[in-house]
Amino acid sequence: MLSHDLRRDDGILVLMPDGPLEAADFETLAAHVDAYLEQQGMLHGVMVKARAFPGWKDFTALLAHMKFVKGHHRRIEKVAVVADGGVLAVMPHIASHFLKAEVRHFDYDHEDAALEWLKRDVRVAQPVA
């Protein structure tokens, strides 16, 4: 399951996976994010906060995740991965080869530092006419 908090005032999406990710998680997420992007054009940042990566429920969920990333990564300025070691800690190194966004890892207890970084030096989003 994937919980999310779209902080519209800051243009930051916080993602909190708390169980195996499902295809429906990404459909719901896309609906909220797409509505925001129609008005604002860009997300300043995405924070992924999890102690450990919970994996996907099935192959359909993996494909839905990849489709979401492919359809949105060009409209995200920064990604902060807030996690203890493991897969999520090395994700920024891997993701930097596939994403336009700048990706950085923060230890799980440094969520405030991650939010500060996401808010710093953001481009001013102009609402889409």
N, C-alpha and C. Protein backbone atom coordinates (compact mmCIF):
# COMPACT_ATOMS: atom_id res chain seq x y z
N MET A 1 0.84 -1.18 0.00
CA MET A 1 0.00 0.00 0.00
C MET A 1 0.89 1.25 0.00
N LEU A 2 0.43 2.27 -0.69
CA LEU A 2 1.19 3.51 -0.83
C LEU A 2 0.33 4.68 -0.37
N SER A 3 0.70 5.27 0.76
CA SER A 3 0.03 6.49 1.23
C SER A 3 0.76 7.67 0.63
N HIS A 4 0.04 8.77 0.45
CA HIS A 4 0.71 9.96 -0.07
C HIS A 4 0.10 11.22 0.51
N ASP A 5 0.89 12.28 0.49
CA ASP A 5 0.48 13.60 0.97
C ASP A 5 1.00 14.60 -0.05
N LEU A 6 0.10 15.22 -0.81
CA LEU A 6 0.49 16.22 -1.79
C LEU A 6 0.42 17.59 -1.11
N ARG A 7 1.57 18.14 -0.80
CA ARG A 7 1.67 19.43 -0.13
C ARG A 7 1.66 20.52 -1.19
N ARG A 8 0.47 20.92 -1.56
CA ARG A 8 0.27 21.84 -2.68
C ARG A 8 1.00 23.17 -2.51
N ASP A 9 1.02 23.71 -1.29
CA ASP A 9 1.67 25.00 -1.07
C ASP A 9 3.17 24.96 -1.38
N ASP A 10 3.79 23.81 -1.16
CA ASP A 10 5.22 23.67 -1.41
C ASP A 10 5.52 22.97 -2.73
N GLY A 11 4.50 22.36 -3.34
CA GLY A 11 4.73 21.60 -4.56
C GLY A 11 5.53 20.34 -4.29
N ILE A 12 5.28 19.72 -3.14
CA ILE A 12 6.02 18.52 -2.74
C ILE A 12 5.05 17.37 -2.49
N LEU A 13 5.39 16.24 -3.06
CA LEU A 13 4.62 15.01 -2.89
C LEU A 13 5.40 14.10 -1.96
N VAL A 14 4.76 13.69 -0.85
CA VAL A 14 5.39 12.76 0.09
C VAL A 14 4.75 11.40 -0.09
N LEU A 15 5.58 10.41 -0.37
CA LEU A 15 5.12 9.04 -0.57
C LEU A 15 5.59 8.18 0.59
N MET A 16 4.66 7.39 1.15
CA MET A 16 4.97 6.56 2.30
C MET A 16 4.49 5.13 2.03
N PRO A 17 5.34 4.31 1.44
CA PRO A 17 4.95 2.91 1.23
C PRO A 17 4.94 2.18 2.57
N ASP A 18 3.85 1.45 2.83
CA ASP A 18 3.76 0.75 4.10
C ASP A 18 3.26 -0.69 3.93
N GLY A 19 3.53 -1.23 2.80
CA GLY A 19 3.18 -2.61 2.48
C GLY A 19 3.45 -2.81 1.01
N PRO A 20 3.35 -4.02 0.51
CA PRO A 20 3.60 -4.24 -0.91
C PRO A 20 2.79 -3.29 -1.79
N LEU A 21 3.46 -2.68 -2.76
CA LEU A 21 2.81 -1.71 -3.64
C LEU A 21 1.89 -2.45 -4.62
N GLU A 22 0.73 -1.84 -4.88
CA GLU A 22 -0.26 -2.42 -5.77
C GLU A 22 -0.49 -1.50 -6.97
N ALA A 23 -0.94 -2.05 -8.07
CA ALA A 23 -1.22 -1.26 -9.28
C ALA A 23 -2.20 -0.14 -8.97
N ALA A 24 -3.21 -0.42 -8.17
CA ALA A 24 -4.22 0.60 -7.83
C ALA A 24 -3.60 1.79 -7.09
N ASP A 25 -2.52 1.56 -6.34
CA ASP A 25 -1.83 2.66 -5.65
C ASP A 25 -1.37 3.72 -6.66
N PHE A 26 -0.84 3.26 -7.78
CA PHE A 26 -0.30 4.19 -8.78
C PHE A 26 -1.39 4.84 -9.60
N GLU A 27 -2.51 4.16 -9.78
CA GLU A 27 -3.66 4.76 -10.46
C GLU A 27 -4.22 5.91 -9.63
N THR A 28 -4.37 5.68 -8.33
CA THR A 28 -4.86 6.72 -7.42
C THR A 28 -3.87 7.88 -7.37
N LEU A 29 -2.61 7.55 -7.23
CA LEU A 29 -1.56 8.57 -7.16
C LEU A 29 -1.54 9.41 -8.43
N ALA A 30 -1.60 8.77 -9.58
CA ALA A 30 -1.58 9.50 -10.86
C ALA A 30 -2.75 10.46 -10.97
N ALA A 31 -3.91 10.06 -10.51
CA ALA A 31 -5.08 10.95 -10.58
C ALA A 31 -4.83 12.23 -9.79
N HIS A 32 -4.29 12.12 -8.57
CA HIS A 32 -4.01 13.31 -7.76
C HIS A 32 -2.88 14.15 -8.33
N VAL A 33 -1.81 13.49 -8.73
CA VAL A 33 -0.65 14.21 -9.25
C VAL A 33 -0.99 14.88 -10.58
N ASP A 34 -1.69 14.19 -11.46
CA ASP A 34 -2.03 14.77 -12.77
C ASP A 34 -2.90 16.02 -12.62
N ALA A 35 -3.83 16.00 -11.67
CA ALA A 35 -4.68 17.18 -11.43
C ALA A 35 -3.81 18.35 -10.96
N TYR A 36 -2.85 18.09 -10.09
CA TYR A 36 -1.95 19.13 -9.62
C TYR A 36 -1.09 19.66 -10.77
N LEU A 37 -0.54 18.76 -11.56
CA LEU A 37 0.34 19.16 -12.66
C LEU A 37 -0.40 19.96 -13.73
N GLU A 38 -1.68 19.68 -13.92
CA GLU A 38 -2.46 20.47 -14.88
C GLU A 38 -2.49 21.93 -14.48
N GLN A 39 -2.52 22.21 -13.19
CA GLN A 39 -2.58 23.58 -12.70
C GLN A 39 -1.20 24.21 -12.54
N GLN A 40 -0.22 23.44 -12.06
CA GLN A 40 1.08 24.00 -11.68
C GLN A 40 2.22 23.68 -12.64
N GLY A 41 2.08 22.65 -13.43
CA GLY A 41 3.11 22.33 -14.40
C GLY A 41 4.24 21.45 -13.91
N MET A 42 4.69 21.64 -12.66
CA MET A 42 5.83 20.89 -12.11
C MET A 42 5.57 20.58 -10.64
N LEU A 43 6.22 19.51 -10.19
CA LEU A 43 6.35 19.23 -8.76
C LEU A 43 7.77 19.63 -8.39
N HIS A 44 7.92 20.42 -7.33
CA HIS A 44 9.27 20.80 -6.90
C HIS A 44 10.01 19.59 -6.36
N GLY A 45 9.27 18.70 -5.72
CA GLY A 45 9.96 17.55 -5.16
C GLY A 45 9.04 16.42 -4.80
N VAL A 46 9.65 15.26 -4.69
CA VAL A 46 8.99 14.06 -4.20
C VAL A 46 9.87 13.49 -3.11
N MET A 47 9.25 13.20 -1.97
CA MET A 47 9.96 12.54 -0.89
C MET A 47 9.38 11.13 -0.75
N VAL A 48 10.26 10.14 -0.80
CA VAL A 48 9.87 8.76 -0.55
C VAL A 48 10.40 8.43 0.84
N LYS A 49 9.48 8.17 1.78
CA LYS A 49 9.88 7.91 3.16
C LYS A 49 9.46 6.51 3.56
N ALA A 50 10.47 5.67 3.85
CA ALA A 50 10.20 4.29 4.26
C ALA A 50 11.44 3.73 4.95
N ARG A 51 11.23 2.96 5.96
CA ARG A 51 12.37 2.29 6.61
C ARG A 51 13.02 1.31 5.64
N ALA A 52 12.17 0.60 4.89
CA ALA A 52 12.66 -0.39 3.94
C ALA A 52 11.68 -0.45 2.77
N PHE A 53 12.17 -0.84 1.62
CA PHE A 53 11.30 -0.96 0.44
C PHE A 53 10.43 -2.20 0.59
N PRO A 54 9.09 -2.03 0.50
CA PRO A 54 8.19 -3.16 0.72
C PRO A 54 7.97 -4.06 -0.49
N GLY A 55 8.49 -3.69 -1.63
CA GLY A 55 8.30 -4.49 -2.84
C GLY A 55 6.94 -4.27 -3.47
N TRP A 56 6.66 -5.06 -4.47
CA TRP A 56 5.40 -4.95 -5.21
C TRP A 56 4.55 -6.19 -4.94
N LYS A 57 3.25 -6.01 -4.96
CA LYS A 57 2.34 -7.13 -4.73
C LYS A 57 2.47 -8.18 -5.84
N ASP A 58 2.64 -7.68 -7.08
CA ASP A 58 2.73 -8.59 -8.22
C ASP A 58 3.38 -7.85 -9.39
N PHE A 59 3.54 -8.54 -10.50
CA PHE A 59 4.19 -7.95 -11.67
C PHE A 59 3.38 -6.77 -12.23
N THR A 60 2.07 -6.84 -12.14
CA THR A 60 1.21 -5.74 -12.60
C THR A 60 1.51 -4.47 -11.82
N ALA A 61 1.77 -4.60 -10.53
CA ALA A 61 2.11 -3.44 -9.71
C ALA A 61 3.45 -2.85 -10.13
N LEU A 62 4.43 -3.71 -10.41
CA LEU A 62 5.73 -3.24 -10.90
C LEU A 62 5.56 -2.46 -12.19
N LEU A 63 4.77 -2.98 -13.11
CA LEU A 63 4.53 -2.28 -14.38
C LEU A 63 3.83 -0.95 -14.17
N ALA A 64 2.87 -0.90 -13.26
CA ALA A 64 2.16 0.35 -12.96
C ALA A 64 3.13 1.37 -12.38
N HIS A 65 4.04 0.93 -11.54
CA HIS A 65 5.06 1.81 -10.95
C HIS A 65 5.95 2.39 -12.05
N MET A 66 6.42 1.53 -12.94
CA MET A 66 7.28 1.98 -14.04
C MET A 66 6.53 2.96 -14.96
N LYS A 67 5.27 2.69 -15.22
CA LYS A 67 4.46 3.57 -16.05
C LYS A 67 4.31 4.94 -15.39
N PHE A 68 4.09 4.95 -14.07
CA PHE A 68 3.96 6.22 -13.36
C PHE A 68 5.26 7.02 -13.45
N VAL A 69 6.38 6.37 -13.21
CA VAL A 69 7.67 7.06 -13.26
C VAL A 69 7.92 7.60 -14.67
N LYS A 70 7.69 6.77 -15.67
CA LYS A 70 7.92 7.19 -17.06
C LYS A 70 7.05 8.39 -17.43
N GLY A 71 5.83 8.41 -16.96
CA GLY A 71 4.91 9.48 -17.32
C GLY A 71 5.07 10.76 -16.53
N HIS A 72 5.86 10.74 -15.45
CA HIS A 72 5.93 11.91 -14.58
C HIS A 72 7.33 12.45 -14.29
N HIS A 73 8.36 11.67 -14.53
CA HIS A 73 9.69 12.07 -14.07
C HIS A 73 10.19 13.37 -14.67
N ARG A 74 9.75 13.74 -15.83
CA ARG A 74 10.22 14.99 -16.45
C ARG A 74 9.58 16.23 -15.80
N ARG A 75 8.60 16.02 -14.95
CA ARG A 75 7.90 17.14 -14.32
C ARG A 75 8.15 17.19 -12.82
N ILE A 76 9.26 16.59 -12.41
CA ILE A 76 9.67 16.57 -11.01
C ILE A 76 11.11 17.08 -10.94
N GLU A 77 11.34 18.09 -10.10
CA GLU A 77 12.67 18.69 -10.01
C GLU A 77 13.63 17.87 -9.15
N LYS A 78 13.16 17.40 -7.98
CA LYS A 78 14.04 16.69 -7.04
C LYS A 78 13.30 15.52 -6.41
N VAL A 79 14.06 14.50 -6.04
CA VAL A 79 13.52 13.36 -5.31
C VAL A 79 14.42 13.12 -4.11
N ALA A 80 13.81 13.10 -2.92
CA ALA A 80 14.52 12.79 -1.68
C ALA A 80 14.07 11.41 -1.21
N VAL A 81 15.02 10.51 -1.07
CA VAL A 81 14.72 9.18 -0.56
C VAL A 81 15.14 9.17 0.91
N VAL A 82 14.15 9.08 1.79
CA VAL A 82 14.39 9.12 3.22
C VAL A 82 14.21 7.70 3.74
N ALA A 83 15.35 7.04 4.00
CA ALA A 83 15.29 5.61 4.34
C ALA A 83 16.56 5.19 5.05
N ASP A 84 16.44 4.11 5.81
CA ASP A 84 17.63 3.46 6.35
C ASP A 84 18.26 2.69 5.20
N GLY A 85 19.39 2.08 5.41
CA GLY A 85 20.14 1.38 4.37
C GLY A 85 19.28 0.53 3.44
N GLY A 86 19.88 -0.40 2.80
CA GLY A 86 19.16 -1.31 1.92
C GLY A 86 18.95 -0.72 0.53
N VAL A 87 17.98 -1.27 -0.16
CA VAL A 87 17.69 -0.90 -1.54
C VAL A 87 17.40 0.59 -1.69
N LEU A 88 16.61 1.15 -0.78
CA LEU A 88 16.25 2.56 -0.92
C LEU A 88 17.45 3.48 -0.77
N ALA A 89 18.44 3.09 0.00
CA ALA A 89 19.62 3.93 0.18
C ALA A 89 20.46 4.02 -1.09
N VAL A 90 20.47 2.96 -1.90
CA VAL A 90 21.25 3.00 -3.14
C VAL A 90 20.40 3.45 -4.33
N MET A 91 19.11 3.61 -4.13
CA MET A 91 18.23 4.02 -5.21
C MET A 91 18.66 5.31 -5.91
N PRO A 92 19.13 6.35 -5.19
CA PRO A 92 19.53 7.57 -5.89
C PRO A 92 20.62 7.33 -6.93
N HIS A 93 21.55 6.46 -6.65
CA HIS A 93 22.62 6.18 -7.62
C HIS A 93 22.07 5.51 -8.87
N ILE A 94 21.13 4.62 -8.69
CA ILE A 94 20.52 3.93 -9.82
C ILE A 94 19.58 4.86 -10.57
N ALA A 95 18.74 5.56 -9.83
CA ALA A 95 17.71 6.41 -10.43
C ALA A 95 18.31 7.57 -11.23
N SER A 96 19.47 8.05 -10.83
CA SER A 96 20.06 9.19 -11.53
C SER A 96 20.32 8.90 -13.00
N HIS A 97 20.41 7.63 -13.37
CA HIS A 97 20.62 7.26 -14.76
C HIS A 97 19.34 7.28 -15.58
N PHE A 98 18.19 7.30 -14.90
CA PHE A 98 16.92 7.19 -15.60
C PHE A 98 15.99 8.39 -15.41
N LEU A 99 16.26 9.22 -14.43
CA LEU A 99 15.36 10.32 -14.11
C LEU A 99 15.99 11.66 -14.44
N LYS A 100 15.16 12.59 -14.83
CA LYS A 100 15.62 13.96 -15.04
C LYS A 100 15.86 14.65 -13.70
N ALA A 101 15.08 14.29 -12.70
CA ALA A 101 15.15 14.91 -11.38
C ALA A 101 16.48 14.62 -10.70
N GLU A 102 16.91 15.54 -9.85
CA GLU A 102 18.05 15.31 -8.98
C GLU A 102 17.57 14.42 -7.83
N VAL A 103 18.31 13.36 -7.53
CA VAL A 103 17.89 12.40 -6.51
C VAL A 103 18.96 12.33 -5.42
N ARG A 104 18.50 12.39 -4.17
CA ARG A 104 19.44 12.36 -3.05
C ARG A 104 18.88 11.48 -1.93
N HIS A 105 19.76 10.78 -1.22
CA HIS A 105 19.37 9.93 -0.08
C HIS A 105 19.58 10.69 1.23
N PHE A 106 18.63 10.50 2.16
CA PHE A 106 18.73 11.03 3.52
C PHE A 106 18.44 9.88 4.48
N ASP A 107 19.13 9.85 5.62
CA ASP A 107 18.81 8.84 6.63
C ASP A 107 17.38 9.03 7.10
N TYR A 108 16.77 7.96 7.54
CA TYR A 108 15.36 7.95 7.91
C TYR A 108 15.02 9.03 8.94
N ASP A 109 15.91 9.28 9.86
CA ASP A 109 15.64 10.27 10.92
C ASP A 109 15.88 11.71 10.48
N HIS A 110 16.21 11.93 9.21
CA HIS A 110 16.51 13.28 8.73
C HIS A 110 15.45 13.79 7.72
N GLU A 111 14.22 13.52 8.02
CA GLU A 111 13.13 13.97 7.15
C GLU A 111 13.12 15.49 7.01
N ASP A 112 13.38 16.23 8.10
CA ASP A 112 13.38 17.69 8.03
C ASP A 112 14.45 18.21 7.07
N ALA A 113 15.62 17.60 7.10
CA ALA A 113 16.69 18.01 6.18
C ALA A 113 16.29 17.72 4.74
N ALA A 114 15.61 16.60 4.53
CA ALA A 114 15.16 16.26 3.18
C ALA A 114 14.15 17.29 2.68
N LEU A 115 13.21 17.67 3.53
CA LEU A 115 12.21 18.68 3.14
C LEU A 115 12.88 20.02 2.85
N GLU A 116 13.84 20.40 3.68
CA GLU A 116 14.58 21.66 3.43
C GLU A 116 15.25 21.62 2.07
N TRP A 117 15.89 20.51 1.76
CA TRP A 117 16.57 20.37 0.48
C TRP A 117 15.58 20.44 -0.68
N LEU A 118 14.43 19.79 -0.53
CA LEU A 118 13.43 19.82 -1.60
C LEU A 118 12.92 21.24 -1.85
N LYS A 119 12.82 22.03 -0.80
CA LYS A 119 12.29 23.40 -0.91
C LYS A 119 13.34 24.39 -1.41
N ARG A 120 14.62 24.05 -1.26
CA ARG A 120 15.71 24.96 -1.60
C ARG A 120 15.89 25.08 -3.10
N ASP A 121 16.09 26.29 -3.56
CA ASP A 121 16.43 26.57 -4.96
C ASP A 121 15.43 26.01 -5.95
N VAL A 122 14.16 26.03 -5.58
CA VAL A 122 13.15 25.50 -6.50
C VAL A 122 12.87 26.54 -7.57
N ARG A 123 12.58 26.03 -8.74
CA ARG A 123 12.15 26.92 -9.81
C ARG A 123 10.73 27.35 -9.51
N VAL A 124 10.41 28.56 -9.83
CA VAL A 124 9.07 29.04 -9.59
C VAL A 124 8.14 28.46 -10.65
N ALA A 125 7.21 27.63 -10.19
CA ALA A 125 6.27 27.01 -11.12
C ALA A 125 5.24 28.03 -11.56
N GLN A 126 5.01 28.08 -12.83
CA GLN A 126 3.98 28.96 -13.37
C GLN A 126 2.76 28.12 -13.68
N PRO A 127 1.60 28.53 -13.17
CA PRO A 127 0.40 27.78 -13.49
C PRO A 127 0.23 27.65 -15.01
N VAL A 128 -0.20 26.50 -15.42
CA VAL A 128 -0.42 26.24 -16.84
C VAL A 128 -1.70 26.95 -17.26
N ALA A 129 -1.60 27.70 -18.35
CA ALA A 129 -2.77 28.47 -18.82
C ALA A 129 -3.79 27.57 -19.50
